[in-house]
Each structure stands twice: as C-alpha cells, then as structure tokens.
Amino acid sequence: MRSTQTSRDASCRSISWNRRSKLATPRRSRAPLAADLLREMSAD
C-alpha cells in the first residue's frame, strides 16, 4: 500500500515536470512527450 502511494506521488511529480517541460519545448516535440506521458499513465 505504501509502495502504491509512493509510485502515485512519483507519477504526479513526473506529470507536473512533463507539463513544465512541454511549455519550454517546440510544438513539434509535444507529440512524443504526450505519447511518453500516456505510456507512463497506462503502465501505472
């Protein structure tokens, strides 16, 4: 249960970091980042 909460917290930090990085990346780079984010969410 604790490990599940930890992984959820890590996912939230990863998602927020991805959002910040998307704002700083060119538009054409957003598609791969979105695919990586979806892959992370589906793996969780």
PDB file of N, CA and C in Angstrom:
ATOM      1  N   MET A   1       0.839  -1.198   0.000  1.00  0.00           N
ATOM      2  CA  MET A   1       0.000   0.000   0.000  1.00  0.00           C
ATOM      3  C   MET A   1       0.875   1.250   0.000  1.00  0.00           C
ATOM      4  N   ARG A   2       1.925   1.199   0.828  1.00  0.00           N
ATOM      5  CA  ARG A   2       2.818   2.354   0.862  1.00  0.00           C
ATOM      6  C   ARG A   2       3.540   2.516  -0.465  1.00  0.00           C
ATOM      7  N   SER A   3       3.939   1.409  -1.069  1.00  0.00           N
ATOM      8  CA  SER A   3       4.646   1.491  -2.351  1.00  0.00           C
ATOM      9  C   SER A   3       3.718   2.045  -3.430  1.00  0.00           C
ATOM     10  N   THR A   4       2.432   1.710  -3.350  1.00  0.00           N
ATOM     11  CA  THR A   4       1.475   2.237  -4.326  1.00  0.00           C
ATOM     12  C   THR A   4       1.362   3.750  -4.183  1.00  0.00           C
ATOM     13  N   GLN A   5       1.282   4.228  -2.960  1.00  0.00           N
ATOM     14  CA  GLN A   5       1.202   5.670  -2.731  1.00  0.00           C
ATOM     15  C   GLN A   5       2.466   6.357  -3.223  1.00  0.00           C
ATOM     16  N   THR A   6       3.614   5.741  -2.988  1.00  0.00           N
ATOM     17  CA  THR A   6       4.878   6.326  -3.422  1.00  0.00           C
ATOM     18  C   THR A   6       4.920   6.434  -4.942  1.00  0.00           C
ATOM     19  N   SER A   7       4.489   5.383  -5.627  1.00  0.00           N
ATOM     20  CA  SER A   7       4.512   5.411  -7.087  1.00  0.00           C
ATOM     21  C   SER A   7       3.533   6.461  -7.605  1.00  0.00           C
ATOM     22  N   ARG A   8       2.413   6.626  -6.908  1.00  0.00           N
ATOM     23  CA  ARG A   8       1.444   7.642  -7.328  1.00  0.00           C
ATOM     24  C   ARG A   8       2.041   9.032  -7.165  1.00  0.00           C
ATOM     25  N   ASP A   9       2.724   9.273  -6.056  1.00  0.00           N
ATOM     26  CA  ASP A   9       3.370  10.564  -5.856  1.00  0.00           C
ATOM     27  C   ASP A   9       4.427  10.809  -6.928  1.00  0.00           C
ATOM     28  N   ALA A  10       5.183   9.772  -7.250  1.00  0.00           N
ATOM     29  CA  ALA A  10       6.208   9.904  -8.282  1.00  0.00           C
ATOM     30  C   ALA A  10       5.566  10.216  -9.629  1.00  0.00           C
ATOM     31  N   SER A  11       4.403   9.596  -9.894  1.00  0.00           N
ATOM     32  CA  SER A  11       3.718   9.853 -11.158  1.00  0.00           C
ATOM     33  C   SER A  11       3.254  11.301 -11.219  1.00  0.00           C
ATOM     34  N   CYS A  12       2.737  11.812 -10.114  1.00  0.00           N
ATOM     35  CA  CYS A  12       2.283  13.200 -10.089  1.00  0.00           C
ATOM     36  C   CYS A  12       3.443  14.153 -10.340  1.00  0.00           C
ATOM     37  N   ARG A  13       4.591  13.863  -9.708  1.00  0.00           N
ATOM     38  CA  ARG A  13       5.760  14.721  -9.927  1.00  0.00           C
ATOM     39  C   ARG A  13       6.217  14.637 -11.377  1.00  0.00           C
ATOM     40  N   SER A  14       6.163  13.428 -11.949  1.00  0.00           N
ATOM     41  CA  SER A  14       6.591  13.258 -13.332  1.00  0.00           C
ATOM     42  C   SER A  14       5.653  14.010 -14.270  1.00  0.00           C
ATOM     43  N   ILE A  15       4.347  13.939 -14.003  1.00  0.00           N
ATOM     44  CA  ILE A  15       3.376  14.612 -14.861  1.00  0.00           C
ATOM     45  C   ILE A  15       3.571  16.125 -14.785  1.00  0.00           C
ATOM     46  N   SER A  16       3.746  16.656 -13.573  1.00  0.00           N
ATOM     47  CA  SER A  16       3.924  18.097 -13.443  1.00  0.00           C
ATOM     48  C   SER A  16       5.217  18.538 -14.116  1.00  0.00           C
ATOM     49  N   TRP A  17       6.278  17.710 -14.010  1.00  0.00           N
ATOM     50  CA  TRP A  17       7.540  18.041 -14.670  1.00  0.00           C
ATOM     51  C   TRP A  17       7.352  18.022 -16.180  1.00  0.00           C
ATOM     52  N   ASN A  18       6.599  17.047 -16.699  1.00  0.00           N
ATOM     53  CA  ASN A  18       6.355  16.966 -18.133  1.00  0.00           C
ATOM     54  C   ASN A  18       5.577  18.183 -18.607  1.00  0.00           C
ATOM     55  N   ARG A  19       4.628  18.657 -17.811  1.00  0.00           N
ATOM     56  CA  ARG A  19       3.867  19.852 -18.194  1.00  0.00           C
ATOM     57  C   ARG A  19       4.781  21.058 -18.308  1.00  0.00           C
ATOM     58  N   ARG A  20       5.690  21.218 -17.322  1.00  0.00           N
ATOM     59  CA  ARG A  20       6.620  22.349 -17.376  1.00  0.00           C
ATOM     60  C   ARG A  20       7.545  22.231 -18.578  1.00  0.00           C
ATOM     61  N   SER A  21       8.033  21.017 -18.841  1.00  0.00           N
ATOM     62  CA  SER A  21       8.964  20.838 -19.950  1.00  0.00           C
ATOM     63  C   SER A  21       8.250  21.069 -21.284  1.00  0.00           C
ATOM     64  N   LYS A  22       6.982  20.700 -21.371  1.00  0.00           N
ATOM     65  CA  LYS A  22       6.239  20.914 -22.618  1.00  0.00           C
ATOM     66  C   LYS A  22       6.161  22.400 -22.940  1.00  0.00           C
ATOM     67  N   LEU A  23       5.987  23.234 -21.923  1.00  0.00           N
ATOM     68  CA  LEU A  23       5.876  24.672 -22.148  1.00  0.00           C
ATOM     69  C   LEU A  23       7.165  25.240 -22.721  1.00  0.00           C
ATOM     70  N   ALA A  24       8.277  24.552 -22.451  1.00  0.00           N
ATOM     71  CA  ALA A  24       9.580  25.055 -22.890  1.00  0.00           C
ATOM     72  C   ALA A  24      10.062  24.373 -24.175  1.00  0.00           C
ATOM     73  N   THR A  25       9.270  23.460 -24.719  1.00  0.00           N
ATOM     74  CA  THR A  25       9.705  22.752 -25.917  1.00  0.00           C
ATOM     75  C   THR A  25       8.944  23.238 -27.143  1.00  0.00           C
ATOM     76  N   PRO A  26       9.537  23.100 -28.326  1.00  0.00           N
ATOM     77  CA  PRO A  26       8.843  23.467 -29.557  1.00  0.00           C
ATOM     78  C   PRO A  26       7.593  22.620 -29.744  1.00  0.00           C
ATOM     79  N   ARG A  27       6.635  23.160 -30.503  1.00  0.00           N
ATOM     80  CA  ARG A  27       5.361  22.485 -30.686  1.00  0.00           C
ATOM     81  C   ARG A  27       5.550  21.078 -31.271  1.00  0.00           C
ATOM     82  N   ARG A  28       6.503  20.922 -32.200  1.00  0.00           N
ATOM     83  CA  ARG A  28       6.650  19.628 -32.863  1.00  0.00           C
ATOM     84  C   ARG A  28       7.175  18.562 -31.911  1.00  0.00           C
ATOM     85  N   SER A  29       7.714  18.956 -30.757  1.00  0.00           N
ATOM     86  CA  SER A  29       8.234  17.981 -29.803  1.00  0.00           C
ATOM     87  C   SER A  29       7.168  17.514 -28.810  1.00  0.00           C
ATOM     88  N   ARG A  30       6.002  18.134 -28.846  1.00  0.00           N
ATOM     89  CA  ARG A  30       4.989  17.812 -27.841  1.00  0.00           C
ATOM     90  C   ARG A  30       4.360  16.445 -28.077  1.00  0.00           C
ATOM     91  N   ALA A  31       4.249  16.031 -29.318  1.00  0.00           N
ATOM     92  CA  ALA A  31       3.602  14.744 -29.591  1.00  0.00           C
ATOM     93  C   ALA A  31       4.341  13.573 -28.936  1.00  0.00           C
ATOM     94  N   PRO A  32       5.671  13.454 -29.103  1.00  0.00           N
ATOM     95  CA  PRO A  32       6.387  12.369 -28.424  1.00  0.00           C
ATOM     96  C   PRO A  32       6.262  12.463 -26.899  1.00  0.00           C
ATOM     97  N   LEU A  33       6.292  13.679 -26.354  1.00  0.00           N
ATOM     98  CA  LEU A  33       6.157  13.831 -24.909  1.00  0.00           C
ATOM     99  C   LEU A  33       4.789  13.353 -24.454  1.00  0.00           C
ATOM    100  N   ALA A  34       3.755  13.671 -25.208  1.00  0.00           N
ATOM    101  CA  ALA A  34       2.411  13.220 -24.864  1.00  0.00           C
ATOM    102  C   ALA A  34       2.329  11.704 -24.927  1.00  0.00           C
ATOM    103  N   ALA A  35       2.979  11.104 -25.913  1.00  0.00           N
ATOM    104  CA  ALA A  35       2.977   9.640 -26.030  1.00  0.00           C
ATOM    105  C   ALA A  35       3.690   9.022 -24.836  1.00  0.00           C
ATOM    106  N   ASP A  36       4.802   9.619 -24.409  1.00  0.00           N
ATOM    107  CA  ASP A  36       5.521   9.105 -23.242  1.00  0.00           C
ATOM    108  C   ASP A  36       4.652   9.229 -21.991  1.00  0.00           C
ATOM    109  N   LEU A  37       3.928  10.342 -21.876  1.00  0.00           N
ATOM    110  CA  LEU A  37       3.077  10.549 -20.711  1.00  0.00           C
ATOM    111  C   LEU A  37       1.959   9.507 -20.683  1.00  0.00           C
ATOM    112  N   LEU A  38       1.353   9.257 -21.830  1.00  0.00           N
ATOM    113  CA  LEU A  38       0.302   8.242 -21.899  1.00  0.00           C
ATOM    114  C   LEU A  38       0.862   6.866 -21.553  1.00  0.00           C
ATOM    115  N   ARG A  39       2.077   6.604 -21.980  1.00  0.00           N
ATOM    116  CA  ARG A  39       2.696   5.306 -21.690  1.00  0.00           C
ATOM    117  C   ARG A  39       2.920   5.167 -20.179  1.00  0.00           C
ATOM    118  N   GLU A  40       3.355   6.254 -19.539  1.00  0.00           N
ATOM    119  CA  GLU A  40       3.561   6.214 -18.091  1.00  0.00           C
ATOM    120  C   GLU A  40       2.241   5.973 -17.372  1.00  0.00           C
ATOM    121  N   MET A  41       1.188   6.657 -17.816  1.00  0.00           N
ATOM    122  CA  MET A  41      -0.107   6.526 -17.149  1.00  0.00           C
ATOM    123  C   MET A  41      -0.665   5.116 -17.334  1.00  0.00           C
ATOM    124  N   SER A  42      -0.506   4.539 -18.506  1.00  0.00           N
ATOM    125  CA  SER A  42      -1.027   3.192 -18.752  1.00  0.00           C
ATOM    126  C   SER A  42      -0.218   2.149 -17.977  1.00  0.00           C
ATOM    127  N   ALA A  43       1.063   2.436 -17.759  1.00  0.00           N
ATOM    128  CA  ALA A  43       1.895   1.499 -17.010  1.00  0.00           C
ATOM    129  C   ALA A  43       1.530   1.520 -15.529  1.00  0.00           C
ATOM    130  N   ASP A  44       1.002   2.624 -15.067  1.00  0.00           N
ATOM    131  CA  ASP A  44       0.623   2.751 -13.664  1.00  0.00           C
ATOM    132  C   ASP A  44      -0.707   2.082 -13.426  1.00  0.00           C
TER     133      ASP A  44
END
